[in-house]
Amino acid sequence: MTSGFKTPYPKCGGRLSELEAAIEQTKRPAACRRTLDRLLREVRVWPVDRQVARLFGEIYVDLRRRGRALSHVDIVLASLARSMKLTILTTDRDFEALPDIPTEDWLR
């Protein structure tokens, strides 16, 4: 079943490369690759371009200087949100370290 959603954005090459490396180490790489292909037809993988990478560096260093820490994934999300002027939906308070990035918790 596919949604028919066509993403205008390129896939995030770094993460896809890591997935391909993992697939190569499985007992059934062809089956795993077919599963990955089905998944990628259903989800949008946001691009991590030069601007997002630069923002990642800025956020990482800023947090470190202030003695704060976020996971790598959270910093990527923050970089994308800042770059694309998006709101992050989250149930935790980790992003309070970045007050310029709007967040919402729909479970409250």
N, C-alpha and C. Protein backbone atom coordinates (compact mmCIF):
# COMPACT_ATOMS: atom_id res chain seq x y z
N MET A 1 0.85 -1.17 0.00
CA MET A 1 0.00 0.00 0.00
C MET A 1 0.89 1.23 0.00
N THR A 2 0.65 2.16 -0.89
CA THR A 2 1.45 3.38 -0.93
C THR A 2 0.53 4.58 -0.90
N SER A 3 1.04 5.67 -0.35
CA SER A 3 0.25 6.89 -0.21
C SER A 3 0.23 7.69 -1.51
N GLY A 4 1.14 7.38 -2.42
CA GLY A 4 1.24 8.16 -3.63
C GLY A 4 1.98 9.47 -3.41
N PHE A 5 2.49 9.70 -2.22
CA PHE A 5 3.20 10.92 -1.89
C PHE A 5 4.54 10.94 -2.60
N LYS A 6 4.76 11.97 -3.36
CA LYS A 6 6.04 12.15 -4.05
C LYS A 6 6.77 13.29 -3.39
N THR A 7 7.92 13.01 -2.81
CA THR A 7 8.67 14.05 -2.14
C THR A 7 9.51 14.84 -3.13
N PRO A 8 9.48 16.17 -3.04
CA PRO A 8 10.33 16.97 -3.92
C PRO A 8 11.75 17.10 -3.36
N TYR A 9 11.99 16.54 -2.18
CA TYR A 9 13.28 16.70 -1.53
C TYR A 9 14.16 15.48 -1.78
N PRO A 10 15.47 15.69 -1.86
CA PRO A 10 16.38 14.56 -1.99
C PRO A 10 16.41 13.78 -0.68
N LYS A 11 16.77 12.54 -0.74
CA LYS A 11 16.93 11.73 0.47
C LYS A 11 18.19 12.16 1.19
N CYS A 12 18.23 11.92 2.48
CA CYS A 12 19.40 12.26 3.28
C CYS A 12 20.44 11.17 3.05
N GLY A 13 21.40 11.46 2.21
CA GLY A 13 22.38 10.48 1.77
C GLY A 13 23.15 9.80 2.87
N GLY A 14 23.54 10.53 3.90
CA GLY A 14 24.32 9.94 4.98
C GLY A 14 23.58 8.82 5.70
N ARG A 15 22.35 9.06 6.05
CA ARG A 15 21.55 8.05 6.76
C ARG A 15 21.23 6.88 5.86
N LEU A 16 20.91 7.15 4.62
CA LEU A 16 20.63 6.05 3.70
C LEU A 16 21.87 5.20 3.48
N SER A 17 23.03 5.82 3.45
CA SER A 17 24.27 5.07 3.31
C SER A 17 24.48 4.15 4.50
N GLU A 18 24.19 4.65 5.70
CA GLU A 18 24.31 3.82 6.90
C GLU A 18 23.34 2.65 6.85
N LEU A 19 22.12 2.90 6.40
CA LEU A 19 21.15 1.81 6.28
C LEU A 19 21.61 0.76 5.28
N GLU A 20 22.15 1.21 4.16
CA GLU A 20 22.65 0.26 3.14
C GLU A 20 23.80 -0.58 3.69
N ALA A 21 24.67 0.04 4.47
CA ALA A 21 25.77 -0.71 5.07
C ALA A 21 25.23 -1.77 6.03
N ALA A 22 24.22 -1.41 6.80
CA ALA A 22 23.61 -2.37 7.72
C ALA A 22 22.93 -3.50 6.96
N ILE A 23 22.24 -3.14 5.88
CA ILE A 23 21.55 -4.16 5.07
C ILE A 23 22.54 -5.17 4.53
N GLU A 24 23.70 -4.69 4.09
CA GLU A 24 24.72 -5.59 3.53
C GLU A 24 25.21 -6.62 4.54
N GLN A 25 25.03 -6.35 5.81
CA GLN A 25 25.50 -7.25 6.85
C GLN A 25 24.44 -8.24 7.32
N THR A 26 23.25 -8.17 6.74
CA THR A 26 22.18 -9.09 7.13
C THR A 26 22.27 -10.38 6.33
N LYS A 27 21.52 -11.38 6.77
CA LYS A 27 21.49 -12.66 6.05
C LYS A 27 20.65 -12.57 4.78
N ARG A 28 19.76 -11.58 4.71
CA ARG A 28 18.87 -11.45 3.56
C ARG A 28 18.86 -10.01 3.05
N PRO A 29 19.96 -9.55 2.45
CA PRO A 29 20.03 -8.15 2.04
C PRO A 29 18.97 -7.76 1.00
N ALA A 30 18.65 -8.65 0.08
CA ALA A 30 17.66 -8.30 -0.95
C ALA A 30 16.29 -8.03 -0.32
N ALA A 31 15.89 -8.87 0.63
CA ALA A 31 14.60 -8.69 1.30
C ALA A 31 14.60 -7.41 2.13
N CYS A 32 15.69 -7.15 2.82
CA CYS A 32 15.79 -5.93 3.63
C CYS A 32 15.74 -4.69 2.74
N ARG A 33 16.41 -4.75 1.60
CA ARG A 33 16.42 -3.61 0.69
C ARG A 33 15.01 -3.36 0.13
N ARG A 34 14.26 -4.42 -0.15
CA ARG A 34 12.87 -4.24 -0.62
C ARG A 34 12.04 -3.56 0.46
N THR A 35 12.26 -3.96 1.72
CA THR A 35 11.54 -3.33 2.83
C THR A 35 11.90 -1.86 2.94
N LEU A 36 13.17 -1.54 2.83
CA LEU A 36 13.60 -0.14 2.86
C LEU A 36 12.98 0.64 1.71
N ASP A 37 12.95 0.06 0.53
CA ASP A 37 12.33 0.73 -0.62
C ASP A 37 10.86 1.03 -0.37
N ARG A 38 10.13 0.08 0.24
CA ARG A 38 8.72 0.32 0.56
C ARG A 38 8.58 1.45 1.58
N LEU A 39 9.43 1.45 2.57
CA LEU A 39 9.39 2.51 3.57
C LEU A 39 9.64 3.87 2.95
N LEU A 40 10.62 3.97 2.09
CA LEU A 40 10.98 5.26 1.49
C LEU A 40 9.91 5.77 0.53
N ARG A 41 9.01 4.91 0.09
CA ARG A 41 7.87 5.38 -0.70
C ARG A 41 6.81 6.02 0.19
N GLU A 42 6.85 5.73 1.49
CA GLU A 42 5.83 6.20 2.43
C GLU A 42 6.25 7.39 3.27
N VAL A 43 7.53 7.60 3.44
CA VAL A 43 7.98 8.67 4.33
C VAL A 43 8.83 9.68 3.58
N ARG A 44 8.88 10.85 4.13
CA ARG A 44 9.73 11.90 3.59
C ARG A 44 11.01 11.92 4.42
N VAL A 45 12.12 11.86 3.79
CA VAL A 45 13.41 11.98 4.47
C VAL A 45 13.91 13.39 4.16
N TRP A 46 13.98 14.22 5.19
CA TRP A 46 14.36 15.60 4.99
C TRP A 46 15.81 15.72 4.56
N PRO A 47 16.09 16.72 3.74
CA PRO A 47 17.46 16.90 3.26
C PRO A 47 18.35 17.56 4.30
N VAL A 48 19.53 17.05 4.45
CA VAL A 48 20.53 17.72 5.27
C VAL A 48 21.54 18.30 4.29
N ASP A 49 21.29 19.56 3.93
CA ASP A 49 22.15 20.23 2.96
C ASP A 49 23.20 21.06 3.69
N ARG A 50 23.94 21.85 2.96
CA ARG A 50 25.03 22.64 3.54
C ARG A 50 24.51 23.61 4.61
N GLN A 51 23.37 24.24 4.36
CA GLN A 51 22.81 25.19 5.33
C GLN A 51 22.43 24.48 6.63
N VAL A 52 21.78 23.33 6.53
CA VAL A 52 21.38 22.58 7.72
C VAL A 52 22.63 22.09 8.47
N ALA A 53 23.64 21.65 7.74
CA ALA A 53 24.88 21.21 8.37
C ALA A 53 25.55 22.37 9.11
N ARG A 54 25.53 23.56 8.52
CA ARG A 54 26.11 24.73 9.19
C ARG A 54 25.35 25.05 10.47
N LEU A 55 24.01 25.01 10.39
CA LEU A 55 23.19 25.26 11.57
C LEU A 55 23.45 24.21 12.65
N PHE A 56 23.64 22.96 12.24
CA PHE A 56 23.97 21.90 13.19
C PHE A 56 25.23 22.29 13.97
N GLY A 57 26.26 22.71 13.24
CA GLY A 57 27.51 23.12 13.89
C GLY A 57 27.30 24.26 14.86
N GLU A 58 26.52 25.26 14.44
CA GLU A 58 26.26 26.41 15.31
C GLU A 58 25.52 25.99 16.58
N ILE A 59 24.49 25.18 16.41
CA ILE A 59 23.69 24.74 17.57
C ILE A 59 24.54 23.88 18.51
N TYR A 60 25.29 22.95 17.93
CA TYR A 60 26.14 22.06 18.74
C TYR A 60 27.11 22.87 19.59
N VAL A 61 27.82 23.81 18.97
CA VAL A 61 28.81 24.60 19.69
C VAL A 61 28.14 25.51 20.72
N ASP A 62 27.02 26.13 20.36
CA ASP A 62 26.29 26.99 21.28
C ASP A 62 25.87 26.20 22.52
N LEU A 63 25.28 25.02 22.32
CA LEU A 63 24.85 24.20 23.45
C LEU A 63 26.04 23.80 24.32
N ARG A 64 27.11 23.41 23.68
CA ARG A 64 28.30 22.97 24.43
C ARG A 64 28.87 24.12 25.27
N ARG A 65 28.93 25.32 24.69
CA ARG A 65 29.43 26.48 25.43
C ARG A 65 28.56 26.80 26.64
N ARG A 66 27.28 26.52 26.53
CA ARG A 66 26.36 26.80 27.63
C ARG A 66 26.23 25.61 28.59
N GLY A 67 26.99 24.55 28.33
CA GLY A 67 26.94 23.38 29.21
C GLY A 67 25.68 22.55 29.04
N ARG A 68 25.06 22.66 27.89
CA ARG A 68 23.84 21.90 27.59
C ARG A 68 24.16 20.83 26.57
N ALA A 69 23.32 19.84 26.49
CA ALA A 69 23.54 18.76 25.52
C ALA A 69 22.20 18.29 24.96
N LEU A 70 22.20 18.00 23.69
CA LEU A 70 21.07 17.35 23.02
C LEU A 70 21.66 16.18 22.23
N SER A 71 20.84 15.20 21.94
CA SER A 71 21.30 14.09 21.11
C SER A 71 21.58 14.58 19.70
N HIS A 72 22.36 13.81 18.98
CA HIS A 72 22.67 14.13 17.58
C HIS A 72 21.37 14.30 16.79
N VAL A 73 20.44 13.40 16.98
CA VAL A 73 19.16 13.45 16.25
C VAL A 73 18.40 14.73 16.59
N ASP A 74 18.36 15.09 17.87
CA ASP A 74 17.65 16.32 18.25
C ASP A 74 18.31 17.56 17.65
N ILE A 75 19.63 17.55 17.55
CA ILE A 75 20.30 18.71 16.95
C ILE A 75 20.00 18.78 15.45
N VAL A 76 19.93 17.63 14.78
CA VAL A 76 19.54 17.62 13.36
C VAL A 76 18.12 18.16 13.22
N LEU A 77 17.20 17.70 14.07
CA LEU A 77 15.82 18.19 14.02
C LEU A 77 15.77 19.70 14.27
N ALA A 78 16.53 20.16 15.25
CA ALA A 78 16.56 21.59 15.54
C ALA A 78 17.11 22.38 14.36
N SER A 79 18.13 21.85 13.71
CA SER A 79 18.72 22.50 12.55
C SER A 79 17.72 22.60 11.41
N LEU A 80 17.01 21.52 11.17
CA LEU A 80 15.97 21.53 10.12
C LEU A 80 14.86 22.51 10.47
N ALA A 81 14.43 22.49 11.73
CA ALA A 81 13.35 23.39 12.16
C ALA A 81 13.77 24.84 12.02
N ARG A 82 14.98 25.15 12.41
CA ARG A 82 15.46 26.53 12.29
C ARG A 82 15.58 26.95 10.83
N SER A 83 16.11 26.06 10.01
CA SER A 83 16.30 26.35 8.59
C SER A 83 14.98 26.55 7.86
N MET A 84 14.01 25.71 8.18
CA MET A 84 12.74 25.72 7.43
C MET A 84 11.62 26.43 8.18
N LYS A 85 11.97 27.03 9.33
CA LYS A 85 10.99 27.76 10.15
C LYS A 85 9.80 26.85 10.51
N LEU A 86 10.14 25.69 11.08
CA LEU A 86 9.15 24.69 11.46
C LEU A 86 8.99 24.63 12.97
N THR A 87 7.88 24.08 13.41
CA THR A 87 7.62 23.81 14.81
C THR A 87 7.87 22.33 15.07
N ILE A 88 8.55 22.03 16.17
CA ILE A 88 8.83 20.64 16.53
C ILE A 88 7.75 20.15 17.48
N LEU A 89 7.14 19.02 17.15
CA LEU A 89 6.17 18.38 18.03
C LEU A 89 6.93 17.42 18.92
N THR A 90 6.81 17.60 20.23
CA THR A 90 7.57 16.78 21.16
C THR A 90 6.85 16.71 22.49
N THR A 91 7.08 15.64 23.23
CA THR A 91 6.51 15.52 24.57
C THR A 91 7.56 15.75 25.64
N ASP A 92 8.81 15.95 25.24
CA ASP A 92 9.84 16.21 26.25
C ASP A 92 10.25 17.67 26.24
N ARG A 93 11.13 18.03 27.16
CA ARG A 93 11.50 19.43 27.31
C ARG A 93 12.92 19.72 26.83
N ASP A 94 13.53 18.81 26.10
CA ASP A 94 14.90 18.97 25.65
C ASP A 94 15.11 20.24 24.83
N PHE A 95 14.13 20.59 24.02
CA PHE A 95 14.29 21.73 23.12
C PHE A 95 14.15 23.08 23.82
N GLU A 96 13.85 23.07 25.12
CA GLU A 96 13.82 24.32 25.87
C GLU A 96 15.19 24.99 25.86
N ALA A 97 16.23 24.21 25.59
CA ALA A 97 17.58 24.76 25.49
C ALA A 97 17.74 25.66 24.27
N LEU A 98 16.76 25.59 23.35
CA LEU A 98 16.80 26.39 22.12
C LEU A 98 15.49 27.18 22.02
N PRO A 99 15.37 28.26 22.77
CA PRO A 99 14.09 28.97 22.85
C PRO A 99 13.61 29.59 21.55
N ASP A 100 14.50 29.77 20.56
CA ASP A 100 14.07 30.34 19.28
C ASP A 100 13.36 29.33 18.39
N ILE A 101 13.40 28.05 18.76
CA ILE A 101 12.74 27.01 17.96
C ILE A 101 11.41 26.67 18.63
N PRO A 102 10.31 26.95 17.95
CA PRO A 102 9.02 26.68 18.55
C PRO A 102 8.74 25.18 18.68
N THR A 103 8.12 24.83 19.80
CA THR A 103 7.72 23.44 20.04
C THR A 103 6.26 23.41 20.47
N GLU A 104 5.64 22.27 20.27
CA GLU A 104 4.27 22.04 20.73
C GLU A 104 4.19 20.63 21.27
N ASP A 105 3.40 20.45 22.32
CA ASP A 105 3.11 19.13 22.87
C ASP A 105 1.62 18.92 22.75
N TRP A 106 1.20 18.10 21.83
CA TRP A 106 -0.22 17.88 21.57
C TRP A 106 -0.85 16.93 22.57
N LEU A 107 -0.06 16.36 23.46
CA LEU A 107 -0.61 15.43 24.44
C LEU A 107 -0.98 16.11 25.75
N ARG A 108 -0.67 17.38 25.88
CA ARG A 108 -1.04 18.12 27.10
C ARG A 108 -2.44 18.63 27.02
